[in-house]
Amino acid sequence: MDYDILVKIFMSLNVMDLISVVSQVCSSWRSACCDPILWKKLDLCIQISDSCIYAPLQSDAWSYSVSNNNRLMNILKTTSNLSQGNVTCLIFNFFEYVEDEHLVYAAKRNRNLKRLALPIWSRLTVSGMRKAFKYWKGLESLTLPDFKSPMKLMKAIGTICKNFSELKLTCNLNVDYANAIVKCLPKLKVLSLRATIVFNKETLICILDGLKHLEVLNICHCEFVFRDSTFSTTLCQELDKTIIEKGSRLREFLACQTNSCTICKSLKHYEFEKVRREDEVISLAL
């Protein structure tokens, strides 16, 4: 079959089909599997199982083990051999356990990466992230879960990735985290906090006042935990006038300002993957 026709057919398949079945058929099919157009986005969220490869269906499907560690590394090696460094967007399975060795290997073999989406759980360290970023100096966009040392991580991104401009957090945000973003990523243009919990009014004010180059802020479907002068805690979805006024100065300020939002009413805290993949900011949607 003609090479171009094969490539068009393969474009309709997922990455797991390509690496576990199609590329094993014959040399001509394997050659077509290496076409750069198939590898701009490497999405490891596909749910499939066979004798060699398994991607988790739910958050409790795995606990960390050596076999899972080796399985992920085998997937990364196989995809790297086929993609030949053409991956510009890498999306890890949301429920995957990623270690430093996985990220650094992916970085070494995919140095043209622009967009990275990390899983909710990992064993990643600041040192490992820094090593990966040294190969990803052109990284522009990151979806990031909770991290133990946000200041150190933000500093590594700001120091190494000079073109970095988009950040999506899938963890809760407090004023210390906000200060780390403002201090280390002063040129950030797009920030999404979609469906997270934001602590204290000062956190948003820090973001809105401190990021002078910010153009887009998404706080849709967030919950806000505010404390007043008596240290009384209030959970709400409404924004006060100060934040709305400051946000209105941006090119795009995306927020749920009333309790009538159907997504807020239907969104459940365990729908982590849905929260991560969807976003009102098109460039951050997976």
Protein backbone atom coordinates (compact mmCIF):
# COMPACT_ATOMS: atom_id res chain seq x y z
CA MET A 1 0.00 0.00 0.00
CA ASP A 2 1.17 3.53 -0.78
CA TYR A 3 3.14 5.22 2.01
CA ASP A 4 0.96 8.34 2.14
CA ILE A 5 -2.21 6.26 2.30
CA LEU A 6 -0.77 4.24 5.19
CA VAL A 7 0.09 7.43 7.07
CA LYS A 8 -3.44 8.79 6.62
CA ILE A 9 -4.90 5.54 7.95
CA PHE A 10 -2.49 5.48 10.89
CA MET A 11 -3.50 9.03 11.82
CA SER A 12 -6.85 7.63 12.97
CA LEU A 13 -5.18 5.20 15.39
CA ASN A 14 -4.00 5.87 18.94
CA VAL A 15 -0.40 5.67 20.04
CA MET A 16 -0.82 2.30 21.74
CA ASP A 17 -2.13 0.77 18.50
CA LEU A 18 0.89 2.14 16.68
CA ILE A 19 3.55 0.86 19.06
CA SER A 20 2.05 -2.50 20.04
CA VAL A 21 0.45 -3.67 16.79
CA VAL A 22 0.86 -1.66 13.60
CA SER A 23 4.61 -1.03 13.76
CA GLN A 24 5.19 -4.77 14.21
CA VAL A 25 3.44 -5.89 10.99
CA CYS A 26 6.18 -5.31 8.41
CA SER A 27 9.01 -2.94 7.47
CA SER A 28 6.85 -0.71 5.23
CA TRP A 29 4.22 -0.27 7.95
CA ARG A 30 6.92 0.47 10.50
CA SER A 31 8.40 3.08 8.18
CA ALA A 32 5.00 4.76 7.84
CA CYS A 33 4.64 4.65 11.64
CA CYS A 34 7.71 6.87 11.88
CA ASP A 35 6.20 9.72 9.87
CA PRO A 36 6.59 12.99 11.83
CA ILE A 37 2.92 13.93 11.37
CA LEU A 38 1.93 11.02 13.64
CA TRP A 39 4.10 12.18 16.52
CA LYS A 40 3.44 15.86 17.12
CA LYS A 41 1.39 14.86 20.16
CA LEU A 42 2.32 11.83 22.26
CA ASP A 43 -0.76 11.07 24.36
CA LEU A 44 -0.18 8.26 26.86
CA CYS A 45 -3.70 8.42 28.31
CA ILE A 46 -5.07 5.71 26.04
CA GLN A 47 -6.75 2.90 27.94
CA ILE A 48 -5.64 -0.46 26.55
CA SER A 49 -4.26 -3.71 27.80
CA ASP A 50 -2.48 -6.61 26.14
CA SER A 51 0.26 -9.01 27.01
CA CYS A 52 2.91 -6.29 27.01
CA ILE A 53 1.33 -2.93 27.76
CA TYR A 54 -1.25 -1.73 30.25
CA ALA A 55 -2.56 1.76 30.88
CA PRO A 56 -4.65 2.27 34.06
CA LEU A 57 -8.39 2.75 33.95
CA GLN A 58 -8.77 4.42 37.35
CA SER A 59 -6.83 6.07 40.13
CA ASP A 60 -6.58 2.98 42.32
CA ALA A 61 -5.56 0.67 39.49
CA TRP A 62 -1.89 0.85 40.43
CA SER A 63 0.45 1.31 43.26
CA TYR A 64 4.08 1.91 42.52
CA SER A 65 6.03 -1.22 41.58
CA VAL A 66 9.17 -2.16 39.66
CA SER A 67 7.06 -3.81 36.93
CA ASN A 68 5.07 -0.63 36.36
CA ASN A 69 8.29 1.38 36.33
CA ASN A 70 9.73 -0.89 33.64
CA ARG A 71 6.48 -0.91 31.66
CA LEU A 72 6.43 2.88 31.37
CA MET A 73 10.09 2.97 30.39
CA ASN A 74 9.46 0.39 27.66
CA ILE A 75 6.62 2.52 26.29
CA LEU A 76 8.84 5.61 26.27
CA LYS A 77 11.65 3.74 24.51
CA THR A 78 9.33 2.33 21.84
CA THR A 79 7.62 5.64 21.14
CA SER A 80 10.98 7.43 21.04
CA ASN A 81 12.30 5.01 18.44
CA LEU A 82 9.27 5.60 16.25
CA SER A 83 8.85 9.34 16.80
CA GLN A 84 12.54 10.11 16.14
CA GLY A 85 12.48 13.31 18.20
CA ASN A 86 9.41 14.85 16.52
CA VAL A 87 7.20 15.01 19.64
CA THR A 88 6.27 18.58 20.59
CA CYS A 89 3.46 17.73 23.08
CA LEU A 90 3.80 14.99 25.71
CA ILE A 91 0.81 13.97 27.85
CA PHE A 92 1.38 11.40 30.58
CA ASN A 93 -1.43 9.17 31.75
CA PHE A 94 -3.08 11.03 34.61
CA PHE A 95 -2.80 8.07 36.99
CA GLU A 96 0.76 7.12 36.04
CA TYR A 97 3.63 7.05 38.51
CA VAL A 98 6.41 8.98 36.79
CA GLU A 99 9.94 9.01 38.15
CA ASP A 100 12.95 11.18 37.34
CA GLU A 101 14.41 8.53 35.06
CA HIS A 102 11.25 8.50 32.91
CA LEU A 103 11.15 12.25 32.51
CA VAL A 104 14.87 12.62 31.82
CA TYR A 105 14.79 9.81 29.25
CA ALA A 106 11.81 11.42 27.50
CA ALA A 107 13.62 14.76 27.53
CA LYS A 108 16.80 13.36 26.01
CA ARG A 109 14.88 11.70 23.18
CA ASN A 110 12.33 14.49 22.54
CA ARG A 111 14.25 17.73 22.70
CA ASN A 112 11.76 19.77 20.65
CA LEU A 113 9.04 19.58 23.29
CA LYS A 114 6.83 22.67 23.68
CA ARG A 115 3.97 21.33 25.83
CA LEU A 116 4.12 18.93 28.80
CA ALA A 117 1.26 17.54 30.92
CA LEU A 118 2.30 15.67 34.07
CA PRO A 119 0.21 13.11 36.01
CA ILE A 120 -1.41 13.76 39.36
CA TRP A 121 0.99 11.38 41.14
CA SER A 122 4.72 11.14 40.63
CA ARG A 123 8.01 10.52 42.33
CA LEU A 124 9.59 13.45 40.55
CA THR A 125 12.14 15.63 42.32
CA VAL A 126 13.26 19.19 41.62
CA SER A 127 16.65 17.81 40.62
CA GLY A 128 15.08 15.44 38.10
CA MET A 129 12.81 18.14 36.70
CA ARG A 130 15.78 20.46 36.33
CA LYS A 131 17.72 17.81 34.38
CA ALA A 132 14.77 17.34 32.04
CA PHE A 133 14.30 21.09 31.53
CA LYS A 134 17.91 21.39 30.39
CA TYR A 135 16.91 19.34 27.34
CA TRP A 136 13.60 21.19 27.05
CA LYS A 137 14.87 24.75 26.95
CA GLY A 138 12.17 25.53 24.39
CA LEU A 139 9.33 24.39 26.68
CA GLU A 140 6.45 26.85 26.51
CA SER A 141 3.55 25.23 28.36
CA LEU A 142 3.14 22.96 31.41
CA THR A 143 0.26 21.25 33.21
CA LEU A 144 1.48 20.75 36.75
CA PRO A 145 0.06 18.83 39.74
CA ASP A 146 0.91 19.37 43.40
CA PHE A 147 4.64 19.70 44.05
CA LYS A 148 6.50 19.80 47.35
CA SER A 149 8.87 22.65 46.49
CA PRO A 150 7.02 25.07 44.20
CA MET A 151 9.55 27.89 44.64
CA LYS A 152 12.47 25.69 43.57
CA LEU A 153 10.50 24.25 40.67
CA MET A 154 9.27 27.64 39.44
CA LYS A 155 12.85 28.93 39.66
CA ALA A 156 14.11 26.03 37.54
CA ILE A 157 11.47 26.71 34.88
CA GLY A 158 12.11 30.45 34.84
CA THR A 159 15.88 30.04 34.69
CA ILE A 160 16.08 27.35 32.01
CA CYS A 161 12.95 27.64 29.84
CA LYS A 162 13.23 31.17 28.47
CA ASN A 163 10.17 30.87 26.20
CA PHE A 164 7.86 29.56 28.93
CA SER A 165 4.51 31.37 28.81
CA GLU A 166 1.63 29.04 29.84
CA LEU A 167 0.97 27.28 33.15
CA LYS A 168 -1.97 25.16 34.24
CA LEU A 169 -2.16 23.99 37.85
CA THR A 170 -4.22 20.97 38.88
CA CYS A 171 -3.49 21.52 42.57
CA ASN A 172 -4.67 24.00 45.18
CA LEU A 173 -3.12 27.46 45.21
CA ASN A 174 -2.14 29.51 48.26
CA VAL A 175 -0.34 32.82 48.56
CA ASP A 176 3.10 31.22 48.93
CA TYR A 177 2.64 29.32 45.67
CA ALA A 178 1.36 32.49 44.01
CA ASN A 179 4.43 34.40 45.19
CA ALA A 180 6.67 31.69 43.72
CA ILE A 181 4.96 32.04 40.34
CA VAL A 182 5.20 35.84 40.39
CA LYS A 183 8.83 35.86 41.45
CA CYS A 184 10.13 33.15 39.13
CA LEU A 185 7.83 33.43 36.10
CA PRO A 186 7.34 37.20 35.71
CA LYS A 187 6.74 36.90 31.94
CA LEU A 188 3.94 34.35 32.26
CA LYS A 189 1.12 35.16 29.82
CA VAL A 190 -1.46 32.43 30.48
CA LEU A 191 -2.45 30.86 33.81
CA SER A 192 -5.25 28.37 34.41
CA LEU A 193 -6.41 27.40 37.89
CA ARG A 194 -9.50 25.64 36.54
CA ALA A 195 -11.49 23.70 39.15
CA THR A 196 -8.89 24.09 41.90
CA ILE A 197 -9.22 25.51 45.41
CA VAL A 198 -7.78 28.98 45.86
CA PHE A 199 -6.93 30.05 49.40
CA ASN A 200 -7.37 33.68 50.43
CA LYS A 201 -8.25 36.74 48.42
CA GLU A 202 -4.60 37.85 48.60
CA THR A 203 -3.58 34.87 46.45
CA LEU A 204 -5.51 36.11 43.42
CA ILE A 205 -4.51 39.71 44.06
CA CYS A 206 -0.86 38.60 44.14
CA ILE A 207 -1.29 36.94 40.74
CA LEU A 208 -3.21 39.84 39.18
CA ASP A 209 -0.90 42.56 40.51
CA GLY A 210 2.40 40.69 40.25
CA LEU A 211 2.26 39.16 36.77
CA LYS A 212 2.64 42.26 34.63
CA HIS A 213 2.60 40.33 31.33
CA LEU A 214 -0.40 38.14 32.18
CA GLU A 215 -2.99 38.16 29.39
CA VAL A 216 -5.27 35.24 30.29
CA LEU A 217 -6.40 33.95 33.70
CA ASN A 218 -8.84 31.07 34.02
CA ILE A 219 -10.48 30.57 37.41
CA CYS A 220 -13.61 28.86 36.13
CA HIS A 221 -15.17 26.27 38.45
CA CYS A 222 -12.81 27.16 41.32
CA GLU A 223 -13.72 27.17 44.97
CA PHE A 224 -12.40 30.05 47.08
CA VAL A 225 -11.50 29.73 50.73
CA PHE A 226 -11.33 33.19 52.28
CA ARG A 227 -10.51 34.27 55.82
CA ASP A 228 -11.69 37.55 57.29
CA SER A 229 -10.11 39.67 60.03
CA THR A 230 -11.52 37.34 62.68
CA PHE A 231 -9.88 34.34 60.96
CA SER A 232 -13.32 32.96 60.10
CA THR A 233 -13.13 30.73 57.01
CA THR A 234 -15.66 31.03 54.19
CA LEU A 235 -16.03 28.68 51.23
CA CYS A 236 -17.60 30.28 48.18
CA GLN A 237 -17.59 30.53 44.39
CA GLU A 238 -18.32 34.24 44.20
CA LEU A 239 -15.63 36.85 43.58
CA ASP A 240 -15.54 40.25 45.21
CA LYS A 241 -15.45 43.47 43.21
CA THR A 242 -11.72 44.08 43.72
CA ILE A 243 -10.73 40.84 41.98
CA ILE A 244 -13.30 41.29 39.21
CA GLU A 245 -12.02 44.82 38.55
CA LYS A 246 -8.38 43.72 38.43
CA GLY A 247 -9.23 40.72 36.25
CA SER A 248 -11.19 42.83 33.78
CA ARG A 249 -7.93 44.52 32.76
CA LEU A 250 -6.71 41.26 31.21
CA ARG A 251 -7.35 40.26 27.60
CA GLU A 252 -9.31 37.27 28.94
CA PHE A 253 -10.55 36.83 32.50
CA LEU A 254 -12.48 33.57 32.69
CA ALA A 255 -14.52 33.07 35.85
CA CYS A 256 -17.76 31.67 37.23
CA GLN A 257 -19.31 34.64 38.99
CA THR A 258 -22.58 33.08 40.05
CA ASN A 259 -23.84 29.85 41.57
CA SER A 260 -25.76 29.06 38.38
CA CYS A 261 -22.82 27.42 36.58
CA THR A 262 -23.96 23.94 35.53
CA ILE A 263 -20.39 22.62 35.36
CA CYS A 264 -19.66 23.73 38.93
CA LYS A 265 -22.79 21.95 40.10
CA SER A 266 -21.97 18.72 38.28
CA LEU A 267 -18.20 18.63 38.71
CA LYS A 268 -17.03 16.09 41.27
CA HIS A 269 -13.67 16.22 42.96
CA TYR A 270 -12.73 12.73 41.82
CA GLU A 271 -13.10 13.63 38.12
CA PHE A 272 -9.43 14.59 38.01
CA GLU A 273 -8.74 13.50 34.46
CA LYS A 274 -11.71 15.44 33.07
CA VAL A 275 -10.55 18.56 34.91
CA ARG A 276 -7.05 18.22 33.51
CA ARG A 277 -7.95 17.50 29.89
CA GLU A 278 -10.61 20.19 29.52
CA ASP A 279 -9.98 23.91 29.72
CA GLU A 280 -11.70 27.10 28.64
CA VAL A 281 -8.27 28.23 27.41
CA ILE A 282 -8.01 26.36 24.11
CA SER A 283 -4.21 26.12 24.12
CA LEU A 284 -4.29 24.34 27.50
CA ALA A 285 -6.98 21.79 26.64
CA LEU A 286 -5.62 18.31 26.01
